[in-house]
Each structure stands twice: as structure tokens, then as C-alpha cells.
C-alpha atoms as a PDB file:
ATOM      1  CA  MET A   1     176.419 -55.342 126.363  1.00  0.00           C
ATOM      2  CA  ARG A   2     172.479 -54.299 126.634  1.00  0.00           C
ATOM      3  CA  ARG A   3     173.137 -50.500 124.759  1.00  0.00           C
ATOM      4  CA  HIS A   4     174.626 -52.736 121.760  1.00  0.00           C
ATOM      5  CA  LEU A   5     172.039 -55.372 121.860  1.00  0.00           C
ATOM      6  CA  GLY A   6     169.194 -52.093 121.718  1.00  0.00           C
ATOM      7  CA  ARG A   7     171.293 -50.369 118.839  1.00  0.00           C
ATOM      8  CA  TYR A   8     171.471 -53.405 117.140  1.00  0.00           C
ATOM      9  CA  PHE A   9     167.345 -54.373 117.352  1.00  0.00           C
ATOM     10  CA  LEU A  10     166.847 -50.824 116.734  1.00  0.00           C
ATOM     11  CA  ALA A  11     168.807 -50.883 113.449  1.00  0.00           C
ATOM     12  CA  CYS A  12     166.923 -53.809 112.504  1.00  0.00           C
ATOM     13  CA  LEU A  13     164.288 -52.375 113.144  1.00  0.00           C
ATOM     14  CA  VAL A  14     164.698 -49.306 110.738  1.00  0.00           C
ATOM     15  CA  LEU A  15     166.032 -51.571 108.209  1.00  0.00           C
ATOM     16  CA  LEU A  16     162.934 -53.954 108.096  1.00  0.00           C
ATOM     17  CA  THR A  17     160.447 -50.842 108.562  1.00  0.00           C
ATOM     18  CA  GLY A  18     162.458 -49.476 104.979  1.00  0.00           C
ATOM     19  CA  VAL A  19     162.382 -53.293 103.109  1.00  0.00           C
ATOM     20  CA  LEU A  20     158.413 -53.202 104.118  1.00  0.00           C
ATOM     21  CA  GLY A  21     157.943 -49.698 102.591  1.00  0.00           C
ATOM     22  CA  ALA A  22     159.910 -49.967  99.334  1.00  0.00           C
ATOM     23  CA  CYS A  23     158.042 -53.682  99.339  1.00  0.00           C
ATOM     24  CA  GLY A  24     154.762 -51.518  99.015  1.00  0.00           C
ATOM     25  CA  ASN A  25     155.737 -48.728  96.964  1.00  0.00           C
ATOM     26  CA  MET A  26     157.325 -51.008  94.827  1.00  0.00           C
ATOM     27  CA  GLY A  27     154.177 -52.769  94.400  1.00  0.00           C
ATOM     28  CA  GLU A  28     152.222 -49.898  93.777  1.00  0.00           C
ATOM     29  CA  GLU A  29     154.686 -48.562  91.214  1.00  0.00           C
ATOM     30  CA  GLU A  30     153.904 -51.359  89.628  1.00  0.00           C
ATOM     31  CA  GLU A  31     150.271 -51.463  89.196  1.00  0.00           C
ATOM     32  CA  LYS A  32     149.125 -49.290  86.579  1.00  0.00           C
ATOM     33  CA  LYS A  33     148.254 -45.675  87.189  1.00  0.00           C
ATOM     34  CA  GLU A  34     146.373 -44.520  84.018  1.00  0.00           C
ATOM     35  CA  ILE A  35     142.730 -46.544  83.362  1.00  0.00           C
ATOM     36  CA  ARG A  36     140.914 -46.427  79.855  1.00  0.00           C
ATOM     37  CA  LEU A  37     137.053 -46.374  79.880  1.00  0.00           C
ATOM     38  CA  VAL A  38     135.120 -46.771  76.638  1.00  0.00           C
ATOM     39  CA  TYR A  39     131.531 -46.384  75.789  1.00  0.00           C
ATOM     40  CA  ALA A  40     128.775 -45.619  73.314  1.00  0.00           C
ATOM     41  CA  ASP A  41     126.877 -42.919  73.785  1.00  0.00           C
ATOM     42  CA  TRP A  42     123.644 -44.344  75.541  1.00  0.00           C
ATOM     43  CA  SER A  43     121.792 -43.312  78.680  1.00  0.00           C
ATOM     44  CA  GLU A  44     122.452 -46.458  81.049  1.00  0.00           C
ATOM     45  CA  GLY A  45     126.535 -46.057  79.846  1.00  0.00           C
ATOM     46  CA  VAL A  46     126.892 -43.508  80.172  1.00  0.00           C
ATOM     47  CA  ALA A  47     126.239 -42.689  83.557  1.00  0.00           C
ATOM     48  CA  MET A  48     127.915 -46.011  84.698  1.00  0.00           C
ATOM     49  CA  THR A  49     131.278 -45.002  83.089  1.00  0.00           C
ATOM     50  CA  TYR A  50     130.972 -41.496  84.506  1.00  0.00           C
ATOM     51  CA  LEU A  51     130.480 -42.632  87.831  1.00  0.00           C
ATOM     52  CA  ALA A  52     133.066 -45.541  87.576  1.00  0.00           C
ATOM     53  CA  ALA A  53     135.390 -43.013  86.543  1.00  0.00           C
ATOM     54  CA  GLU A  54     134.862 -40.324  88.801  1.00  0.00           C
ATOM     55  CA  ILE A  55     135.358 -43.282  91.760  1.00  0.00           C
ATOM     56  CA  LEU A  56     138.631 -44.392  90.146  1.00  0.00           C
ATOM     57  CA  GLN A  57     139.757 -40.418  90.491  1.00  0.00           C
ATOM     58  CA  THR A  58     138.601 -39.567  93.789  1.00  0.00           C
ATOM     59  CA  GLU A  59     138.717 -42.863  96.092  1.00  0.00           C
ATOM     60  CA  LEU A  60     141.133 -44.422  94.197  1.00  0.00           C
ATOM     61  CA  GLY A  61     144.106 -42.874  93.057  1.00  0.00           C
ATOM     62  CA  TYR A  62     143.665 -43.166  88.952  1.00  0.00           C
ATOM     63  CA  GLU A  63     144.291 -41.133  86.656  1.00  0.00           C
ATOM     64  CA  VAL A  64     141.118 -42.258  84.181  1.00  0.00           C
ATOM     65  CA  GLU A  65     140.587 -41.374  80.041  1.00  0.00           C
ATOM     66  CA  THR A  66     137.158 -41.473  78.814  1.00  0.00           C
ATOM     67  CA  LYS A  67     135.946 -42.349  75.393  1.00  0.00           C
ATOM     68  CA  MET A  68     133.314 -41.974  73.417  1.00  0.00           C
ATOM     69  CA  THR A  69     132.423 -44.773  70.365  1.00  0.00           C
ATOM     70  CA  ASP A  70     130.098 -46.750  68.285  1.00  0.00           C
ATOM     71  CA  ILE A  71     129.612 -50.217  69.743  1.00  0.00           C
ATOM     72  CA  GLU A  72     131.491 -52.277  67.289  1.00  0.00           C
ATOM     73  CA  SER A  73     134.730 -49.760  68.012  1.00  0.00           C
ATOM     74  CA  VAL A  74     134.855 -50.064  71.614  1.00  0.00           C
ATOM     75  CA  PHE A  75     134.265 -54.147  71.149  1.00  0.00           C
ATOM     76  CA  ARG A  76     138.050 -53.430  68.860  1.00  0.00           C
ATOM     77  CA  GLU A  77     139.049 -51.494  70.752  1.00  0.00           C
ATOM     78  CA  ILE A  78     138.814 -53.726  74.229  1.00  0.00           C
ATOM     79  CA  GLU A  79     140.095 -56.518  73.034  1.00  0.00           C
ATOM     80  CA  SER A  80     143.379 -54.446  71.324  1.00  0.00           C
ATOM     81  CA  GLY A  81     144.227 -53.175  74.074  1.00  0.00           C
ATOM     82  CA  ASP A  82     144.486 -49.615  73.658  1.00  0.00           C
ATOM     83  CA  TYR A  83     141.334 -49.316  76.243  1.00  0.00           C
ATOM     84  CA  ASP A  84     141.134 -50.945  79.439  1.00  0.00           C
ATOM     85  CA  LEU A  85     136.908 -51.693  80.205  1.00  0.00           C
ATOM     86  CA  PHE A  86     133.409 -51.604  79.231  1.00  0.00           C
ATOM     87  CA  VAL A  87     131.230 -51.052  81.768  1.00  0.00           C
ATOM     88  CA  ASP A  88     127.477 -51.912  79.385  1.00  0.00           C
ATOM     89  CA  ALA A  89     127.677 -55.597  77.609  1.00  0.00           C
ATOM     90  CA  TRP A  90     124.695 -56.557  76.843  1.00  0.00           C
ATOM     91  CA  LEU A  91     124.742 -60.558  77.634  1.00  0.00           C
ATOM     92  CA  PRO A  92     123.709 -62.862  76.199  1.00  0.00           C
ATOM     93  CA  GLU A  93     121.601 -61.706  73.143  1.00  0.00           C
ATOM     94  CA  THR A  94     122.053 -58.205  72.168  1.00  0.00           C
ATOM     95  CA  HIS A  95     125.987 -57.736  71.970  1.00  0.00           C
ATOM     96  CA  LYS A  96     126.145 -61.664  70.952  1.00  0.00           C
ATOM     97  CA  THR A  97     127.624 -60.639  67.691  1.00  0.00           C
ATOM     98  CA  TYR A  98     130.243 -58.683  68.853  1.00  0.00           C
ATOM     99  CA  MET A  99     130.892 -61.395  71.561  1.00  0.00           C
ATOM    100  CA  ASN A 100     131.521 -63.430  68.570  1.00  0.00           C
ATOM    101  CA  ASN A 101     134.070 -61.619  67.061  1.00  0.00           C
ATOM    102  CA  TYR A 102     136.159 -60.587  70.000  1.00  0.00           C
ATOM    103  CA  GLY A 103     134.904 -62.192  72.693  1.00  0.00           C
ATOM    104  CA  ALA A 104     137.469 -64.134  73.297  1.00  0.00           C
ATOM    105  CA  ASP A 105     140.059 -62.387  73.884  1.00  0.00           C
ATOM    106  CA  LEU A 106     138.713 -60.527  76.644  1.00  0.00           C
ATOM    107  CA  GLU A 107     137.939 -60.680  80.906  1.00  0.00           C
ATOM    108  CA  ASN A 108     134.418 -61.095  82.099  1.00  0.00           C
ATOM    109  CA  LEU A 109     134.564 -59.322  85.891  1.00  0.00           C
ATOM    110  CA  GLY A 110     131.138 -59.938  86.090  1.00  0.00           C
ATOM    111  CA  VAL A 111     127.410 -58.545  86.037  1.00  0.00           C
ATOM    112  CA  ASN A 112     126.897 -55.214  87.398  1.00  0.00           C
ATOM    113  CA  VAL A 113     123.150 -54.918  86.557  1.00  0.00           C
ATOM    114  CA  GLU A 114     120.481 -57.533  86.693  1.00  0.00           C
ATOM    115  CA  THR A 115     117.254 -57.957  84.843  1.00  0.00           C
ATOM    116  CA  VAL A 116     117.735 -55.534  81.554  1.00  0.00           C
ATOM    117  CA  ARG A 117     116.000 -55.485  78.542  1.00  0.00           C
ATOM    118  CA  THR A 118     115.576 -54.612  74.780  1.00  0.00           C
ATOM    119  CA  GLY A 119     112.181 -54.086  72.471  1.00  0.00           C
ATOM    120  CA  LEU A 120     109.626 -51.685  70.747  1.00  0.00           C
ATOM    121  CA  MET A 121     108.544 -49.289  72.528  1.00  0.00           C
ATOM    122  CA  VAL A 122     104.888 -47.496  72.989  1.00  0.00           C
ATOM    123  CA  PRO A 123     103.585 -45.023  74.644  1.00  0.00           C
ATOM    124  CA  ASN A 124     100.206 -46.284  76.938  1.00  0.00           C
ATOM    125  CA  TYR A 125      97.701 -45.032  74.881  1.00  0.00           C
ATOM    126  CA  VAL A 126      98.999 -46.738  71.731  1.00  0.00           C
ATOM    127  CA  GLU A 127      96.280 -49.108  70.513  1.00  0.00           C
ATOM    128  CA  ALA A 128      98.845 -52.117  69.126  1.00  0.00           C
ATOM    129  CA  GLN A 129      99.798 -54.638  71.839  1.00  0.00           C
ATOM    130  CA  THR A 130     101.945 -56.765  69.825  1.00  0.00           C
ATOM    131  CA  ILE A 131     105.132 -55.943  66.758  1.00  0.00           C
ATOM    132  CA  GLY A 132     102.585 -57.282  64.687  1.00  0.00           C
ATOM    133  CA  GLU A 133     100.026 -55.306  65.236  1.00  0.00           C
ATOM    134  CA  LEU A 134     102.721 -52.060  64.479  1.00  0.00           C
ATOM    135  CA  ASP A 135     101.359 -51.329  60.848  1.00  0.00           C
ATOM    136  CA  SER A 136      97.861 -50.892  61.726  1.00  0.00           C
ATOM    137  CA  VAL A 137      98.786 -47.392  63.975  1.00  0.00           C
ATOM    138  CA  VAL A 138     102.750 -46.178  62.185  1.00  0.00           C
ATOM    139  CA  ASP A 139     104.906 -46.012  59.322  1.00  0.00           C
ATOM    140  CA  GLN A 140     107.957 -45.862  61.224  1.00  0.00           C
ATOM    141  CA  ILE A 141     110.089 -47.108  64.155  1.00  0.00           C
ATOM    142  CA  ILE A 142     112.192 -44.319  66.095  1.00  0.00           C
ATOM    143  CA  GLY A 143     115.690 -46.007  66.190  1.00  0.00           C
ATOM    144  CA  ILE A 144     119.235 -44.873  67.145  1.00  0.00           C
ATOM    145  CA  GLY A 145     122.696 -45.538  66.160  1.00  0.00           C
ATOM    146  CA  SER A 146     123.551 -48.184  63.786  1.00  0.00           C
ATOM    147  CA  GLY A 147     124.879 -51.292  64.863  1.00  0.00           C
ATOM    148  CA  ALA A 148     123.522 -51.239  68.026  1.00  0.00           C
ATOM    149  CA  GLY A 149     121.793 -54.240  69.504  1.00  0.00           C
ATOM    150  CA  VAL A 150     118.034 -53.160  69.364  1.00  0.00           C
ATOM    151  CA  MET A 151     118.780 -51.959  66.230  1.00  0.00           C
ATOM    152  CA  GLU A 152     119.516 -55.784  64.180  1.00  0.00           C
ATOM    153  CA  ALA A 153     117.077 -57.131  66.283  1.00  0.00           C
ATOM    154  CA  THR A 154     114.410 -54.801  65.094  1.00  0.00           C
ATOM    155  CA  LYS A 155     115.818 -55.257  60.940  1.00  0.00           C
ATOM    156  CA  THR A 156     114.704 -59.100  62.036  1.00  0.00           C
ATOM    157  CA  ALA A 157     111.475 -58.103  63.216  1.00  0.00           C
ATOM    158  CA  ILE A 158     110.284 -56.157  60.994  1.00  0.00           C
ATOM    159  CA  GLU A 159     111.131 -59.458  58.290  1.00  0.00           C
ATOM    160  CA  SER A 160     109.588 -61.473  60.795  1.00  0.00           C
ATOM    161  CA  TYR A 161     106.589 -60.130  61.515  1.00  0.00           C
ATOM    162  CA  GLY A 162     105.935 -58.425  58.217  1.00  0.00           C
ATOM    163  CA  LEU A 163     105.986 -54.663  58.643  1.00  0.00           C
ATOM    164  CA  SER A 164     106.183 -52.330  56.033  1.00  0.00           C
ATOM    165  CA  ALA A 165     106.678 -50.239  58.846  1.00  0.00           C
ATOM    166  CA  GLU A 166     110.682 -47.957  58.093  1.00  0.00           C
ATOM    167  CA  LEU A 167     113.255 -48.385  60.686  1.00  0.00           C
ATOM    168  CA  MET A 168     114.624 -44.851  61.297  1.00  0.00           C
ATOM    169  CA  GLU A 169     118.538 -44.328  61.769  1.00  0.00           C
ATOM    170  CA  GLY A 170     119.101 -41.673  64.342  1.00  0.00           C
ATOM    171  CA  SER A 171     120.684 -41.609  67.583  1.00  0.00           C
ATOM    172  CA  GLU A 172     118.917 -42.098  70.947  1.00  0.00           C
ATOM    173  CA  GLN A 173     119.424 -38.542  71.698  1.00  0.00           C
ATOM    174  CA  MET A 174     117.006 -38.192  68.746  1.00  0.00           C
ATOM    175  CA  MET A 175     114.850 -40.915  69.579  1.00  0.00           C
ATOM    176  CA  THR A 176     114.052 -39.321  72.741  1.00  0.00           C
ATOM    177  CA  ASP A 177     113.044 -36.145  71.728  1.00  0.00           C
ATOM    178  CA  THR A 178     110.898 -37.438  68.712  1.00  0.00           C
ATOM    179  CA  LEU A 179     109.305 -39.697  71.750  1.00  0.00           C
ATOM    180  CA  SER A 180     108.622 -36.391  74.274  1.00  0.00           C
ATOM    181  CA  ASN A 181     107.227 -34.338  71.270  1.00  0.00           C
ATOM    182  CA  ALA A 182     105.179 -37.496  70.358  1.00  0.00           C
ATOM    183  CA  ILE A 183     103.608 -37.465  73.471  1.00  0.00           C
ATOM    184  CA  LYS A 184     103.308 -33.962  73.878  1.00  0.00           C
ATOM    185  CA  ARG A 185     100.605 -33.896  70.734  1.00  0.00           C
ATOM    186  CA  ARG A 186      99.854 -37.074  71.938  1.00  0.00           C
ATOM    187  CA  GLU A 187     100.447 -38.940  68.512  1.00  0.00           C
ATOM    188  CA  PRO A 188     100.943 -42.797  68.162  1.00  0.00           C
ATOM    189  CA  ILE A 189     104.780 -43.264  68.074  1.00  0.00           C
ATOM    190  CA  VAL A 190     106.914 -46.861  68.270  1.00  0.00           C
ATOM    191  CA  VAL A 191     111.201 -46.463  69.660  1.00  0.00           C
ATOM    192  CA  THR A 192     113.339 -49.258  70.111  1.00  0.00           C
ATOM    193  CA  GLY A 193     113.535 -48.887  74.027  1.00  0.00           C
ATOM    194  CA  TRP A 194     115.324 -50.389  76.805  1.00  0.00           C
ATOM    195  CA  THR A 195     115.072 -50.626  80.642  1.00  0.00           C
ATOM    196  CA  PRO A 196     116.826 -49.541  82.732  1.00  0.00           C
ATOM    197  CA  HIS A 197     115.996 -45.724  80.925  1.00  0.00           C
ATOM    198  CA  TRP A 198     115.342 -42.912  82.450  1.00  0.00           C
ATOM    199  CA  ILE A 199     112.638 -42.249  80.057  1.00  0.00           C
ATOM    200  CA  MET A 200     110.609 -45.252  82.000  1.00  0.00           C
ATOM    201  CA  ASN A 201     110.188 -42.767  84.732  1.00  0.00           C
ATOM    202  CA  ARG A 202     109.048 -39.732  83.204  1.00  0.00           C
ATOM    203  CA  TYR A 203     106.345 -40.980  80.979  1.00  0.00           C
ATOM    204  CA  GLU A 204     104.270 -44.622  81.098  1.00  0.00           C
ATOM    205  CA  LEU A 205     105.425 -46.345  78.769  1.00  0.00           C
ATOM    206  CA  ARG A 206     105.368 -50.356  77.925  1.00  0.00           C
ATOM    207  CA  PHE A 207     107.126 -53.084  75.633  1.00  0.00           C
ATOM    208  CA  LEU A 208     104.950 -54.046  72.727  1.00  0.00           C
ATOM    209  CA  ASP A 209     103.980 -58.146  73.156  1.00  0.00           C
ATOM    210  CA  ASP A 210     106.463 -60.245  71.189  1.00  0.00           C
ATOM    211  CA  PRO A 211     105.081 -63.727  70.371  1.00  0.00           C
ATOM    212  CA  GLU A 212     107.661 -64.714  68.116  1.00  0.00           C
ATOM    213  CA  ASN A 213     110.687 -64.221  70.753  1.00  0.00           C
ATOM    214  CA  VAL A 214     112.818 -61.779  68.417  1.00  0.00           C
ATOM    215  CA  PHE A 215     114.413 -59.683  71.506  1.00  0.00           C
ATOM    216  CA  GLY A 216     115.073 -62.246  73.722  1.00  0.00           C
ATOM    217  CA  GLU A 217     114.569 -62.293  76.928  1.00  0.00           C
ATOM    218  CA  THR A 218     115.621 -60.402  79.816  1.00  0.00           C
ATOM    219  CA  GLU A 219     119.326 -59.993  79.887  1.00  0.00           C
ATOM    220  CA  GLN A 220     122.400 -58.457  82.181  1.00  0.00           C
ATOM    221  CA  ILE A 221     124.623 -55.974  81.537  1.00  0.00           C
ATOM    222  CA  TYR A 222     128.706 -57.388  82.130  1.00  0.00           C
ATOM    223  CA  THR A 223     131.982 -55.077  82.326  1.00  0.00           C
ATOM    224  CA  LEU A 224     134.415 -56.171  80.450  1.00  0.00           C
ATOM    225  CA  ALA A 225     138.189 -55.415  80.329  1.00  0.00           C
ATOM    226  CA  ARG A 226     141.096 -56.308  77.365  1.00  0.00           C
ATOM    227  CA  GLU A 227     143.701 -59.477  78.501  1.00  0.00           C
ATOM    228  CA  GLY A 228     145.574 -58.874  81.367  1.00  0.00           C
ATOM    229  CA  PHE A 229     143.803 -56.001  83.247  1.00  0.00           C
ATOM    230  CA  SER A 230     143.185 -57.578  85.880  1.00  0.00           C
ATOM    231  CA  GLU A 231     146.475 -59.120  86.711  1.00  0.00           C
ATOM    232  CA  GLU A 232     147.864 -56.218  86.214  1.00  0.00           C
ATOM    233  CA  ASN A 233     145.232 -53.528  87.751  1.00  0.00           C
ATOM    234  CA  SER A 234     144.385 -55.950  91.114  1.00  0.00           C
ATOM    235  CA  ARG A 235     142.804 -52.849  93.017  1.00  0.00           C
ATOM    236  CA  ALA A 236     140.826 -51.605  89.986  1.00  0.00           C
ATOM    237  CA  ALA A 237     139.671 -55.405  89.092  1.00  0.00           C
ATOM    238  CA  THR A 238     138.289 -56.194  92.191  1.00  0.00           C
ATOM    239  CA  PHE A 239     136.393 -52.452  92.200  1.00  0.00           C
ATOM    240  CA  PHE A 240     134.369 -53.676  89.031  1.00  0.00           C
ATOM    241  CA  GLU A 241     134.040 -56.879  90.328  1.00  0.00           C
ATOM    242  CA  ARG A 242     132.326 -55.142  93.137  1.00  0.00           C
ATOM    243  CA  TYR A 243     130.431 -52.298  90.622  1.00  0.00           C
ATOM    244  CA  LYS A 244     126.500 -54.064  91.002  1.00  0.00           C
ATOM    245  CA  LEU A 245     123.464 -51.222  90.777  1.00  0.00           C
ATOM    246  CA  THR A 246     119.747 -52.041  90.867  1.00  0.00           C
ATOM    247  CA  ASN A 247     117.603 -50.891  88.321  1.00  0.00           C
ATOM    248  CA  GLU A 248     116.273 -48.478  90.393  1.00  0.00           C
ATOM    249  CA  GLN A 249     119.384 -47.138  91.564  1.00  0.00           C
ATOM    250  CA  LEU A 250     120.749 -46.982  87.771  1.00  0.00           C
ATOM    251  CA  GLY A 251     117.397 -45.532  87.563  1.00  0.00           C
ATOM    252  CA  THR A 252     118.298 -42.435  89.955  1.00  0.00           C
ATOM    253  CA  LEU A 253     122.025 -42.162  88.194  1.00  0.00           C
ATOM    254  CA  MET A 254     120.455 -41.785  84.775  1.00  0.00           C
ATOM    255  CA  ASP A 255     118.133 -39.435  86.628  1.00  0.00           C
ATOM    256  CA  GLU A 256     120.729 -37.075  87.882  1.00  0.00           C
ATOM    257  CA  LEU A 257     122.542 -36.791  84.648  1.00  0.00           C
ATOM    258  CA  GLN A 258     119.585 -35.330  83.025  1.00  0.00           C
ATOM    259  CA  THR A 259     118.700 -32.876  85.281  1.00  0.00           C
ATOM    260  CA  PHE A 260     122.380 -31.933  84.842  1.00  0.00           C
ATOM    261  CA  PRO A 261     123.279 -32.975  80.420  1.00  0.00           C
ATOM    262  CA  ASN A 262     126.450 -30.349  80.601  1.00  0.00           C
ATOM    263  CA  ASN A 263     127.902 -30.805  83.769  1.00  0.00           C
ATOM    264  CA  GLU A 264     128.358 -35.154  84.417  1.00  0.00           C
ATOM    265  CA  GLN A 265     131.416 -34.525  87.088  1.00  0.00           C
ATOM    266  CA  ARG A 266     128.743 -32.798  89.053  1.00  0.00           C
ATOM    267  CA  ALA A 267     125.414 -35.442  88.711  1.00  0.00           C
ATOM    268  CA  VAL A 268     127.637 -37.778  89.198  1.00  0.00           C
ATOM    269  CA  GLN A 269     129.124 -36.570  92.754  1.00  0.00           C
ATOM    270  CA  ASN A 270     125.395 -35.594  93.696  1.00  0.00           C
ATOM    271  CA  TRP A 271     124.483 -39.399  93.735  1.00  0.00           C
ATOM    272  CA  ILE A 272     127.721 -40.548  95.281  1.00  0.00           C
ATOM    273  CA  LYS A 273     126.597 -38.052  97.863  1.00  0.00           C
ATOM    274  CA  ASP A 274     123.395 -39.664  98.567  1.00  0.00           C
ATOM    275  CA  ASN A 275     124.320 -42.971  97.572  1.00  0.00           C
ATOM    276  CA  GLU A 276     127.999 -43.591 100.107  1.00  0.00           C
ATOM    277  CA  PHE A 277     126.564 -46.699 101.895  1.00  0.00           C
ATOM    278  CA  ILE A 278     127.242 -48.381  98.369  1.00  0.00           C
ATOM    279  CA  VAL A 279     130.374 -46.246  97.258  1.00  0.00           C
ATOM    280  CA  ASN A 280     131.961 -47.651 100.435  1.00  0.00           C
ATOM    281  CA  GLN A 281     131.180 -51.373 100.608  1.00  0.00           C
ATOM    282  CA  TRP A 282     132.617 -50.731  96.650  1.00  0.00           C
ATOM    283  CA  VAL A 283     136.118 -49.256  97.484  1.00  0.00           C
ATOM    284  CA  LYS A 284     136.393 -50.980 100.791  1.00  0.00           C
ATOM    285  CA  GLU A 285     140.068 -51.544 101.372  1.00  0.00           C
ATOM    286  CA  LEU A 286     140.916 -50.361  98.219  1.00  0.00           C
ATOM    287  CA  HIS A 287     142.359 -47.318  99.093  1.00  0.00           C
ATOM    288  CA  PRO A 288     146.435 -46.392  97.239  1.00  0.00           C
ATOM    289  CA  ILE A 289     149.097 -47.996  99.990  1.00  0.00           C
ATOM    290  CA  ARG A 290     150.204 -44.293 100.495  1.00  0.00           C
ATOM    291  CA  GLU A 291     147.378 -42.860 101.732  1.00  0.00           C
ATOM    292  CA  LYS A 292     146.714 -46.095 103.778  1.00  0.00           C
ATOM    293  CA  LEU A 293     150.191 -44.935 105.343  1.00  0.00           C
ATOM    294  CA  MET A 294     148.880 -41.483 106.491  1.00  0.00           C
END
């Protein structure tokens, strides 16, 4: 009798284990395996996107696709569901227009960088102290791509302060190259700038005072997702809710990407190696189910 009972309980245990295993695998199969990240060509966004992609792949077991495009297309592709996430939304001011147009259909996964700022920036040797004094030192403001929030604010600043200086459109790379060349020659220059940015670690720069408050107060950077993302990707959503960087941490990450400009993966891997404790807090208890069972 005891022998039969033992076999019975053993059979039940095997059956229960199989059911639980099937349930675990079912949950894993139901969760989407690919995460699609979209970003604009700005240093901090590139850095945070590549860092997130590396962690999602190596630590959390996702396949990751990344795409760079202009900022309006970023918001449009998240809103349409063509892409899943954008980790570089500057709010409440810089990307306000895009949030007004697309934000109702987006998930906000929270702040990932506190206390960021945009404005017009000069080397410390430039005599002008306020935006209103610009015409006395330059006839051009070196900008980045059209559509960027800092570019729209600069157009407003030119009108508000009655400036004759012309806003030059280009790219962030063009802006930083022009800035670097001007500093080498100690020439006056004004650029559309923001912090955190790696140029602040390389050069002695400052923002021009903005008495009209055209560029607004300090902001925060948020992670935005397409509608339904958190429900379909609970582990990834939890990771992005934890994904927070200080200005100093983001600054060192951007420096790594400047050191290895053609090898973003190596740059972020170096940063991860130097910041294992931080990364471990982001991914704690989020590893794939199969990895836990092993």
C-alpha cells in the first residue's frame, strides 16, 4: 500500500512540475522577444540608446533593433507602434510640441535623467553675458538639425531679443566641430547647447543669461513607449522604469562613445564594466525564466 502511495505522489509531483514549467514557458513565449528602439542623432540619446540595447540583449535576453531618424519621426513612429521606445524625451518644454501632437497615445515610463538644460552657449572667453548682447560679438549662431526643440527656441530668442545674428542649421557633429575649431583659434562663437553633453567635459563653456526665459527652466529626460508596451513586455518595462542616470554617469558614458566613435558596443561595454553595481540594480530579478532555472 505504501509503495503504491509513493508512486502516486511521485506521479503527481512530476505532473505538477510539468504544468508549472509549461506555465513558465508560456509566459515567456507570450512576452515579445524583440525591442525596437528609435533615437535622434544627439550625443546623450545615442549613448543611452546603445547602453539600453546592450543590456537588453546581454542581460535580459531580448533581440534589439535600433533606428536613428529626425525627432518628429521619432515621436510619429512610437505613436504608430512601428517602434517601441524612445529614451531621450526632454520635457516639459523642449519636446512639448511633439507631446502635444503625439503624447496622448504614448506610455511614459518615467524620468531617466534629472536636471537637464538647453540654451545658447559660449566659451568663457567670449565677452557677451546675455543673449541680448550677441550681435556685438557674432553674426551667426551655430545650430543643429532643424526641428530640434533647442532650434525652435533659438528662433524665438532671435525674435524676442531683436537679434540680427543668423541661425545656421546643420548637425550636432558640425556644431561640435565648428566649436572646437573656434576655440583653438580663440574666436568668438555661439552654439545651440545643452547639458549634459561631452563638450562640457572638454571645454570651458557657459550658457548665456536668458532674461526673457525663452529657453525655460531646467528639464528632465523621460523614456516614452508605444501604447501597450508595458503590458506586453513587463520585464523590459520594469527595466526602463529603473533606468536612471546621473549627469555625471551620463557624462562618462558619452566620453566613452567619443573615445570609440566607430565602436559604440565597445564603448558601452567598457562603461558597463566600470558600473556593474548600477547595472545590476537595473536588471535585478529580471533575467529570463530559463536562465533562472539553470
